[in-house]
Amino acid sequence: MLEYLNHLKEIHTDDESRIALEKIETALTEKKYGLVWEEHVEEVDKQLVHNIPVFKEIEDKKIVRDNTTDFNFLLEGDNLHSLKLLDKTHKGNIDVIYIDPPYNTGNKDFIYDDNYIGSDDGYRHSKWLSFMNERLTIARELLSDEGVIFISIDNNEQAQLKLLCDSIFGEKNLISIIPRITSPQRFAQEKNINISNDFIIAYSNTNRLNLKKIIQDTDSENLKQDKIGHYYEGDTKALIAPISQGYSRNCDYDVEFNGKIYSPVNSKGVRNRWFWTEERMKTAIKLGIIRETKNSIRMQIYQDKAYDVKTNSMVDKEIGVRFTTLDLINNIYSNPNGVSDYEKFNISKKFSNPKPVSLIKTIINLHPNNNAIILDFFAGFRVIIMTQANSQVNTRLLELLPKLKTKKLSGWCAV
């Protein structure tokens, strides 16, 4: 290309042509940042040019648990057909999307145009990105203003998926990339470093989303309760200020508590000051939030109450802690537990590395809407869990009409 451009420069020497050719050369040679791939068109895209996906309800597959009008829907067919339909019916209404797409490992886990894609396919990354790009673009349209999408992925496509999602959902809407333990015990399976985790990439649709905190286990044997609220024995806060925070005469006094006298003396025997004035300390003692330790007094920390220093009173506080990027490094979220889940239902079909139900529940429960509409357009194993478990939900099955069905891949989309 550049050789031909130089040839054009030799032919067109006038100022106007020279300036235009220099601009073209600059555009061709300047460094660029971003994800570039060879886009591919799927057979399903060609079908959709002149056809509209139509789904028909299969009445004998309906599951009715109660008399309510609320139903879960299973769409059987290529998930792109399903997404095109949902774009007409649920645009801007989906609160949570969780998907577990093919990881594109090169071990024939990814089907593209009815063909398995192996490691010898030179375009396997481009085909995977084209495949995901079209589906995620529609997924973005489906999300509500406070919607969130969680995507399971491993190192084969994690970096590419991150850049793709940046372009679709916006880099500023990345919530986090969360590692998840896949196998608690994995020995001598890799050449250099054993890989025992994959990832969940999370994006919000807008910056209005505020994920819920995780509720701590209230059944813990260590959790206590008094007239104020719930607390853990030993979970207290220091009342003696460190030397580095300076001295205040108003906070240097002795405290009488349970018949003993306490002074603001640290563990090294150095006297400084309390955090509070004497009046505030007396109020805290009356409230019953002061605890004795071996050598001093401390303030009890409550799970559901907080001490408001402005009003000298206990006020309600939000229960729980923020979800962290280490919370999925727990064996309950590993693949063996996913295997155990489907073995409970005597499922004959084998699924590759199924995600455990506990993982899906944890992710869904992070959304603040308790009545959230949830979508999984790579449902597979999770559909079987939902339909064969002792579920108390109503379910209706919609099947794609035969005209648009693919040959090998019959996908599931769960709403």
Protein backbone atom coordinates (compact mmCIF):
# COMPACT_ATOMS: atom_id res chain seq x y z
CA MET A 1 0.00 0.00 0.00
CA LEU A 2 2.75 2.47 0.95
CA GLU A 3 4.74 1.57 -2.19
CA TYR A 4 1.72 2.38 -4.32
CA LEU A 5 1.25 5.62 -2.39
CA ASN A 6 4.84 6.63 -3.19
CA HIS A 7 4.15 5.83 -6.83
CA LEU A 8 1.15 8.17 -6.76
CA LYS A 9 3.32 10.93 -5.27
CA GLU A 10 5.66 10.67 -8.24
CA ILE A 11 2.77 11.00 -10.67
CA HIS A 12 0.75 13.70 -8.89
CA THR A 13 3.16 16.49 -7.95
CA ASP A 14 0.74 19.42 -7.68
CA ASP A 15 0.21 20.92 -4.21
CA GLU A 16 -3.39 19.80 -3.84
CA SER A 17 -2.59 16.16 -4.64
CA ARG A 18 0.54 16.22 -2.49
CA ILE A 19 -1.38 17.44 0.58
CA ALA A 20 -4.12 14.85 0.05
CA LEU A 21 -1.62 12.02 -0.37
CA GLU A 22 0.29 13.09 2.76
CA LYS A 23 -2.95 12.93 4.76
CA ILE A 24 -3.58 9.43 3.45
CA GLU A 25 -0.04 8.40 4.37
CA THR A 26 -0.47 9.80 7.89
CA ALA A 27 -3.73 7.89 8.33
CA LEU A 28 -2.08 4.67 7.19
CA THR A 29 1.08 4.95 9.29
CA GLU A 30 -0.10 6.52 12.53
CA LYS A 31 -0.25 4.26 15.58
CA LYS A 32 -3.73 3.18 16.60
CA TYR A 33 -5.15 1.84 19.85
CA GLY A 34 -8.00 -0.60 20.00
CA LEU A 35 -9.26 -4.02 19.01
CA VAL A 36 -8.99 -4.92 15.34
CA TRP A 37 -10.24 -8.18 13.84
CA GLU A 38 -11.38 -9.64 10.55
CA GLU A 39 -15.16 -9.46 10.72
CA HIS A 40 -17.11 -12.53 9.61
CA VAL A 41 -20.76 -12.88 8.65
CA GLU A 42 -22.63 -15.86 10.08
CA GLU A 43 -25.17 -17.90 8.18
CA VAL A 44 -27.76 -16.81 10.74
CA ASP A 45 -27.12 -13.18 9.72
CA LYS A 46 -27.90 -14.04 6.12
CA GLN A 47 -31.13 -15.71 7.22
CA LEU A 48 -32.24 -12.60 9.08
CA VAL A 49 -31.85 -10.35 6.02
CA HIS A 50 -35.09 -11.63 4.47
CA ASN A 51 -36.66 -13.49 7.39
CA ILE A 52 -38.12 -12.59 10.78
CA PRO A 53 -37.66 -15.09 13.63
CA VAL A 54 -41.00 -16.45 14.83
CA PHE A 55 -41.41 -18.53 17.97
CA LYS A 56 -44.29 -20.85 18.76
CA GLU A 57 -45.25 -21.90 22.27
CA ILE A 58 -45.05 -25.63 23.00
CA GLU A 59 -48.06 -26.09 25.28
CA ASP A 60 -47.21 -29.60 26.50
CA LYS A 61 -43.85 -28.34 27.80
CA LYS A 62 -45.43 -25.67 30.00
CA ILE A 63 -44.62 -25.94 33.72
CA VAL A 64 -47.30 -24.48 36.00
CA ARG A 65 -46.51 -24.33 39.72
CA ASP A 66 -49.17 -21.87 40.86
CA ASN A 67 -52.05 -19.76 39.60
CA THR A 68 -50.10 -16.54 39.08
CA THR A 69 -49.62 -14.97 35.67
CA ASP A 70 -45.85 -14.68 36.14
CA PHE A 71 -43.79 -16.98 33.91
CA ASN A 72 -40.20 -17.66 33.04
CA PHE A 73 -39.61 -18.12 29.33
CA LEU A 74 -37.27 -20.53 27.55
CA LEU A 75 -36.56 -19.75 23.90
CA GLU A 76 -35.21 -22.69 21.92
CA GLY A 77 -33.23 -21.79 18.82
CA ASP A 78 -30.13 -19.86 17.82
CA ASN A 79 -29.58 -17.22 20.47
CA LEU A 80 -29.19 -14.50 17.84
CA HIS A 81 -32.76 -15.22 16.70
CA SER A 82 -33.87 -15.01 20.33
CA LEU A 83 -32.04 -11.74 20.93
CA LYS A 84 -33.56 -10.20 17.80
CA LEU A 85 -37.01 -11.13 19.13
CA LEU A 86 -36.26 -9.81 22.63
CA ASP A 87 -35.04 -6.56 21.10
CA LYS A 88 -38.64 -6.05 19.98
CA THR A 89 -40.29 -7.11 23.25
CA HIS A 90 -37.84 -6.33 26.08
CA LYS A 91 -35.67 -3.46 24.88
CA GLY A 92 -34.42 -1.47 27.87
CA ASN A 93 -36.13 -3.81 30.35
CA ILE A 94 -33.54 -6.44 31.30
CA ASP A 95 -31.94 -5.84 34.71
CA VAL A 96 -29.37 -8.65 34.85
CA ILE A 97 -27.68 -10.59 32.06
CA TYR A 98 -25.43 -13.52 32.89
CA ILE A 99 -23.81 -15.48 30.06
CA ASP A 100 -21.30 -18.29 29.92
CA PRO A 101 -20.24 -18.22 26.25
CA PRO A 102 -17.82 -20.68 24.63
CA TYR A 103 -14.29 -19.94 25.85
CA ASN A 104 -12.82 -20.59 22.38
CA THR A 105 -10.10 -22.84 23.78
CA GLY A 106 -9.38 -24.40 20.41
CA ASN A 107 -10.64 -27.75 21.70
CA LYS A 108 -13.84 -27.58 19.64
CA ASP A 109 -15.90 -25.88 22.35
CA PHE A 110 -17.05 -23.16 19.93
CA ILE A 111 -19.44 -23.80 17.02
CA TYR A 112 -19.53 -21.22 14.24
CA ASP A 113 -21.87 -21.69 11.25
CA ASP A 114 -22.50 -25.29 12.32
CA ASN A 115 -18.78 -26.10 12.36
CA TYR A 116 -16.55 -26.67 15.35
CA ILE A 117 -13.69 -24.17 15.49
CA GLY A 118 -10.35 -25.78 16.34
CA SER A 119 -6.94 -24.38 17.24
CA ASP A 120 -5.79 -24.79 13.62
CA ASP A 121 -8.30 -22.21 12.37
CA GLY A 122 -6.31 -19.04 11.70
CA TYR A 123 -9.45 -16.93 12.05
CA ARG A 124 -10.78 -18.50 15.24
CA HIS A 125 -10.30 -15.32 17.32
CA SER A 126 -11.89 -13.14 14.61
CA LYS A 127 -14.83 -15.51 14.24
CA TRP A 128 -15.35 -15.57 18.01
CA LEU A 129 -15.20 -11.76 18.24
CA SER A 130 -17.65 -11.36 15.34
CA PHE A 131 -19.94 -13.88 17.02
CA MET A 132 -19.79 -12.09 20.40
CA ASN A 133 -19.87 -8.56 19.02
CA GLU A 134 -23.26 -8.97 17.38
CA ARG A 135 -24.84 -10.60 20.43
CA LEU A 136 -23.37 -8.19 22.98
CA THR A 137 -24.43 -5.19 20.90
CA ILE A 138 -28.05 -6.35 21.15
CA ALA A 139 -27.55 -7.22 24.84
CA ARG A 140 -26.59 -3.60 25.52
CA GLU A 141 -29.88 -2.47 23.96
CA LEU A 142 -31.81 -4.86 26.18
CA LEU A 143 -30.33 -3.61 29.48
CA SER A 144 -32.31 -1.21 31.64
CA ASP A 145 -30.73 2.03 32.87
CA GLU A 146 -29.64 0.17 36.02
CA GLY A 147 -28.85 -3.01 34.13
CA VAL A 148 -25.70 -5.09 34.54
CA ILE A 149 -24.09 -7.87 32.51
CA PHE A 150 -21.82 -10.60 33.88
CA ILE A 151 -19.76 -12.67 31.44
CA SER A 152 -17.77 -15.80 32.31
CA ILE A 153 -14.52 -16.17 30.35
CA ASP A 154 -10.98 -17.51 30.68
CA ASN A 155 -7.54 -16.44 29.45
CA ASN A 156 -8.17 -17.58 25.87
CA GLU A 157 -10.37 -14.55 25.14
CA GLN A 158 -10.41 -12.49 28.34
CA ALA A 159 -8.18 -9.69 27.01
CA GLN A 160 -10.05 -9.46 23.70
CA LEU A 161 -13.44 -9.58 25.42
CA LYS A 162 -12.45 -6.72 27.74
CA LEU A 163 -11.60 -4.47 24.78
CA LEU A 164 -14.74 -5.53 22.93
CA CYS A 165 -16.92 -4.73 25.95
CA ASP A 166 -15.15 -1.38 26.37
CA SER A 167 -16.28 -0.45 22.86
CA ILE A 168 -19.86 -1.70 23.38
CA PHE A 169 -20.67 -0.80 27.01
CA GLY A 170 -18.11 1.96 27.51
CA GLU A 171 -14.81 1.69 29.37
CA LYS A 172 -16.17 3.87 32.18
CA ASN A 173 -18.93 1.32 32.82
CA LEU A 174 -16.55 -1.52 33.66
CA ILE A 175 -17.40 -2.67 37.19
CA SER A 176 -14.61 -5.19 37.60
CA ILE A 177 -12.88 -8.31 36.32
CA ILE A 178 -13.48 -10.92 39.03
CA PRO A 179 -11.39 -14.11 39.25
CA ARG A 180 -13.29 -17.31 40.07
CA ILE A 181 -11.74 -20.53 41.31
CA THR A 182 -12.44 -23.33 38.83
CA SER A 183 -10.76 -26.27 40.54
CA PRO A 184 -9.67 -26.47 44.20
CA GLN A 185 -7.07 -29.13 43.34
CA ARG A 186 -5.26 -29.16 40.03
CA PHE A 187 -1.84 -30.72 39.82
CA ALA A 188 0.67 -31.00 36.95
CA GLN A 189 -1.79 -30.04 34.22
CA GLU A 190 0.04 -27.04 32.81
CA LYS A 191 3.56 -26.68 31.48
CA ASN A 192 4.66 -23.78 33.68
CA ILE A 193 1.94 -22.47 36.00
CA ASN A 194 -1.18 -24.40 36.95
CA ILE A 195 -4.28 -22.41 36.02
CA SER A 196 -7.06 -22.79 38.58
CA ASN A 197 -9.28 -19.83 37.80
CA ASP A 198 -11.31 -18.12 35.13
CA PHE A 199 -12.98 -14.70 35.26
CA ILE A 200 -16.30 -12.91 35.35
CA ILE A 201 -16.29 -9.55 33.57
CA ALA A 202 -18.98 -7.17 34.82
CA TYR A 203 -20.26 -4.02 33.10
CA SER A 204 -23.11 -1.70 33.98
CA ASN A 205 -25.26 -0.05 31.35
CA THR A 206 -24.97 3.38 32.97
CA ASN A 207 -23.32 4.85 36.05
CA ARG A 208 -26.68 4.80 37.87
CA LEU A 209 -26.21 1.21 39.04
CA ASN A 210 -25.39 0.64 42.71
CA LEU A 211 -24.88 -3.04 43.51
CA LYS A 212 -26.13 -4.39 46.82
CA LYS A 213 -23.87 -5.22 49.71
CA ILE A 214 -23.44 -8.83 50.75
CA ILE A 215 -25.44 -9.76 53.81
CA GLN A 216 -23.26 -11.44 56.39
CA ASP A 217 -24.29 -14.83 57.71
CA THR A 218 -26.73 -14.10 60.53
CA ASP A 219 -26.76 -17.77 61.54
CA SER A 220 -23.13 -17.70 62.58
CA GLU A 221 -22.58 -19.10 66.03
CA ASN A 222 -20.38 -16.09 66.79
CA LEU A 223 -23.10 -13.54 66.08
CA LYS A 224 -24.54 -12.06 69.29
CA GLN A 225 -27.50 -9.82 69.95
CA ASP A 226 -28.34 -7.34 72.69
CA LYS A 227 -30.94 -4.58 73.11
CA ILE A 228 -29.07 -2.41 70.60
CA GLY A 229 -28.50 -4.83 67.73
CA HIS A 230 -26.36 -7.64 66.28
CA TYR A 231 -22.62 -7.81 66.86
CA TYR A 232 -19.66 -10.16 66.79
CA GLU A 233 -17.82 -10.79 70.04
CA GLY A 234 -14.48 -9.01 69.93
CA ASP A 235 -15.39 -6.77 66.99
CA THR A 236 -14.61 -3.46 68.69
CA LYS A 237 -13.07 -0.10 67.89
CA ALA A 238 -10.24 1.65 69.77
CA LEU A 239 -11.11 4.76 71.78
CA ILE A 240 -7.57 5.96 72.49
CA ALA A 241 -6.23 8.27 69.79
CA PRO A 242 -2.72 7.53 68.44
CA ILE A 243 0.07 9.98 69.21
CA SER A 244 0.27 10.88 65.51
CA GLN A 245 -3.19 12.50 65.68
CA GLY A 246 -2.08 15.10 68.18
CA TYR A 247 -3.03 16.03 71.73
CA SER A 248 -6.22 17.70 73.01
CA ARG A 249 -6.68 18.72 76.66
CA ASN A 250 -10.49 18.35 76.34
CA CYS A 251 -10.07 14.65 75.54
CA ASP A 252 -7.48 13.89 78.24
CA TYR A 253 -9.41 12.63 81.26
CA ASP A 254 -9.98 9.51 83.34
CA VAL A 255 -13.07 7.34 82.78
CA GLU A 256 -14.93 5.40 85.46
CA PHE A 257 -16.47 2.24 84.05
CA ASN A 258 -17.74 -0.82 85.95
CA GLY A 259 -16.05 0.38 89.13
CA LYS A 260 -12.65 0.80 87.46
CA ILE A 261 -10.71 3.87 86.36
CA TYR A 262 -9.34 3.97 82.80
CA SER A 263 -6.87 6.51 81.41
CA PRO A 264 -5.97 7.23 77.76
CA VAL A 265 -2.71 5.31 77.95
CA ASN A 266 -1.59 3.26 74.94
CA SER A 267 0.02 -0.20 74.93
CA LYS A 268 3.47 1.37 75.36
CA GLY A 269 2.40 3.19 78.50
CA VAL A 270 2.29 6.60 76.82
CA ARG A 271 -0.59 8.86 77.82
CA ASN A 272 -2.31 10.83 75.06
CA ARG A 273 -6.08 11.37 74.73
CA TRP A 274 -9.43 9.72 73.94
CA PHE A 275 -11.15 10.21 70.59
CA TRP A 276 -14.17 11.66 72.37
CA THR A 277 -14.86 14.43 74.83
CA GLU A 278 -15.86 13.42 78.36
CA GLU A 279 -19.51 14.26 77.70
CA ARG A 280 -19.65 12.03 74.62
CA MET A 281 -17.91 9.20 76.49
CA LYS A 282 -20.53 9.34 79.27
CA THR A 283 -23.30 9.18 76.65
CA ALA A 284 -21.70 6.13 75.02
CA ILE A 285 -21.50 4.39 78.41
CA LYS A 286 -25.20 5.08 79.03
CA LEU A 287 -26.04 3.68 75.58
CA GLY A 288 -24.26 0.46 76.50
CA ILE A 289 -21.80 0.37 73.61
CA ILE A 290 -18.57 0.37 75.67
CA ARG A 291 -16.68 -2.89 76.27
CA GLU A 292 -13.83 -3.71 78.63
CA THR A 293 -10.62 -5.30 77.41
CA LYS A 294 -7.65 -6.46 79.44
CA ASN A 295 -6.11 -3.01 79.82
CA SER A 296 -8.58 -0.49 78.42
CA ILE A 297 -12.08 0.15 77.05
CA ARG A 298 -13.29 0.02 73.44
CA MET A 299 -16.49 0.68 71.50
CA GLN A 300 -18.60 -2.27 70.31
CA ILE A 301 -19.18 -2.37 66.53
CA TYR A 302 -22.69 -3.44 65.49
CA GLN A 303 -23.71 -5.03 62.20
CA ASP A 304 -26.99 -3.12 61.93
CA LYS A 305 -26.38 0.00 64.03
CA ALA A 306 -23.87 2.85 64.05
CA TYR A 307 -22.98 5.49 66.63
CA ASP A 308 -23.84 8.95 65.28
CA VAL A 309 -21.46 11.41 66.94
CA LYS A 310 -23.62 14.37 65.86
CA THR A 311 -26.69 13.21 67.78
CA ASN A 312 -24.91 10.98 70.33
CA SER A 313 -27.30 8.15 69.44
CA MET A 314 -27.39 4.78 67.69
CA VAL A 315 -28.82 4.89 64.18
CA ASP A 316 -29.67 2.21 61.62
CA LYS A 317 -27.03 1.38 59.05
CA GLU A 318 -26.99 -0.69 55.87
CA ILE A 319 -26.21 -4.30 56.66
CA GLY A 320 -23.48 -6.09 54.75
CA VAL A 321 -20.17 -5.45 53.07
CA ARG A 322 -19.20 -4.64 49.52
CA PHE A 323 -18.57 -7.58 47.20
CA THR A 324 -14.84 -7.89 46.49
CA THR A 325 -12.79 -9.34 43.66
CA LEU A 326 -11.67 -12.13 46.00
CA ASP A 327 -15.13 -13.36 46.99
CA LEU A 328 -15.34 -15.96 44.19
CA ILE A 329 -12.05 -17.56 45.26
CA ASN A 330 -14.08 -20.04 47.25
CA ASN A 331 -14.55 -23.74 46.58
CA ILE A 332 -18.35 -23.44 46.65
CA TYR A 333 -18.10 -21.59 43.31
CA SER A 334 -15.80 -24.14 41.64
CA ASN A 335 -16.70 -26.42 38.72
CA PRO A 336 -16.90 -29.65 40.77
CA ASN A 337 -19.90 -28.15 42.58
CA GLY A 338 -21.49 -27.46 39.19
CA VAL A 339 -21.03 -31.13 38.33
CA SER A 340 -22.65 -32.08 41.64
CA ASP A 341 -25.63 -29.85 40.82
CA TYR A 342 -26.54 -31.68 37.62
CA GLU A 343 -25.79 -35.11 39.09
CA LYS A 344 -28.57 -34.47 41.61
CA PHE A 345 -31.07 -34.60 38.74
CA ASN A 346 -29.64 -37.69 36.98
CA ILE A 347 -28.85 -35.67 33.87
CA SER A 348 -27.33 -37.91 31.22
CA LYS A 349 -25.98 -35.16 28.98
CA LYS A 350 -22.50 -34.08 30.00
CA PHE A 351 -21.72 -30.38 30.19
CA SER A 352 -18.22 -29.00 30.01
CA ASN A 353 -17.31 -27.24 33.26
CA PRO A 354 -20.85 -26.28 34.35
CA LYS A 355 -21.08 -23.31 36.70
CA PRO A 356 -22.60 -24.11 40.12
CA VAL A 357 -26.01 -22.77 41.09
CA SER A 358 -24.40 -20.96 44.05
CA LEU A 359 -22.39 -18.81 41.64
CA ILE A 360 -25.44 -17.77 39.63
CA LYS A 361 -27.43 -16.96 42.77
CA THR A 362 -24.61 -14.84 44.20
CA ILE A 363 -24.27 -12.83 41.01
CA ILE A 364 -28.00 -12.26 40.55
CA ASN A 365 -28.45 -11.22 44.19
CA LEU A 366 -25.99 -8.36 43.72
CA HIS A 367 -28.60 -6.41 41.77
CA PRO A 368 -30.68 -4.06 43.97
CA ASN A 369 -34.00 -4.97 42.31
CA ASN A 370 -35.49 -8.00 44.05
CA ASN A 371 -37.92 -8.38 41.13
CA ALA A 372 -35.26 -8.08 38.45
CA ILE A 373 -35.79 -9.45 34.94
CA ILE A 374 -32.89 -11.79 34.22
CA LEU A 375 -31.60 -13.00 30.86
CA ASP A 376 -29.18 -15.81 30.02
CA PHE A 377 -28.73 -16.28 26.27
CA PHE A 378 -26.18 -19.09 26.58
CA ALA A 379 -28.38 -21.02 28.99
CA GLY A 380 -27.65 -24.71 28.31
CA PHE A 381 -27.08 -26.49 31.61
CA ARG A 382 -28.81 -23.75 33.62
CA VAL A 383 -32.07 -24.36 31.72
CA ILE A 384 -32.03 -28.00 32.79
CA ILE A 385 -31.34 -27.01 36.39
CA MET A 386 -34.25 -24.56 36.29
CA THR A 387 -36.74 -26.97 34.72
CA GLN A 388 -35.77 -30.17 36.55
CA ALA A 389 -35.06 -28.75 39.98
CA ASN A 390 -37.89 -28.61 42.50
CA SER A 391 -38.63 -25.10 41.32
CA GLN A 392 -41.66 -23.10 42.39
CA VAL A 393 -41.77 -20.99 39.24
CA ASN A 394 -43.97 -21.15 36.16
CA THR A 395 -42.16 -21.82 32.89
CA ARG A 396 -43.23 -21.61 29.24
CA LEU A 397 -41.23 -22.97 26.30
CA LEU A 398 -41.13 -21.09 22.99
CA GLU A 399 -39.56 -22.94 20.06
CA LEU A 400 -38.18 -21.34 16.90
CA LEU A 401 -40.18 -22.38 13.85
CA PRO A 402 -38.32 -24.95 11.69
CA LYS A 403 -37.58 -22.58 8.80
CA LEU A 404 -34.80 -20.80 10.68
CA LYS A 405 -33.40 -23.66 12.74
CA THR A 406 -29.71 -24.40 12.45
CA LYS A 407 -28.39 -27.89 11.77
CA LYS A 408 -26.14 -28.70 14.71
CA LEU A 409 -26.66 -26.01 17.31
CA SER A 410 -29.90 -25.82 19.21
CA GLY A 411 -29.43 -23.07 21.76
CA TRP A 412 -31.40 -21.96 24.78
CA CYS A 413 -32.24 -18.47 25.91
CA ALA A 414 -33.75 -18.10 29.38
CA VAL A 415 -35.71 -15.06 30.57
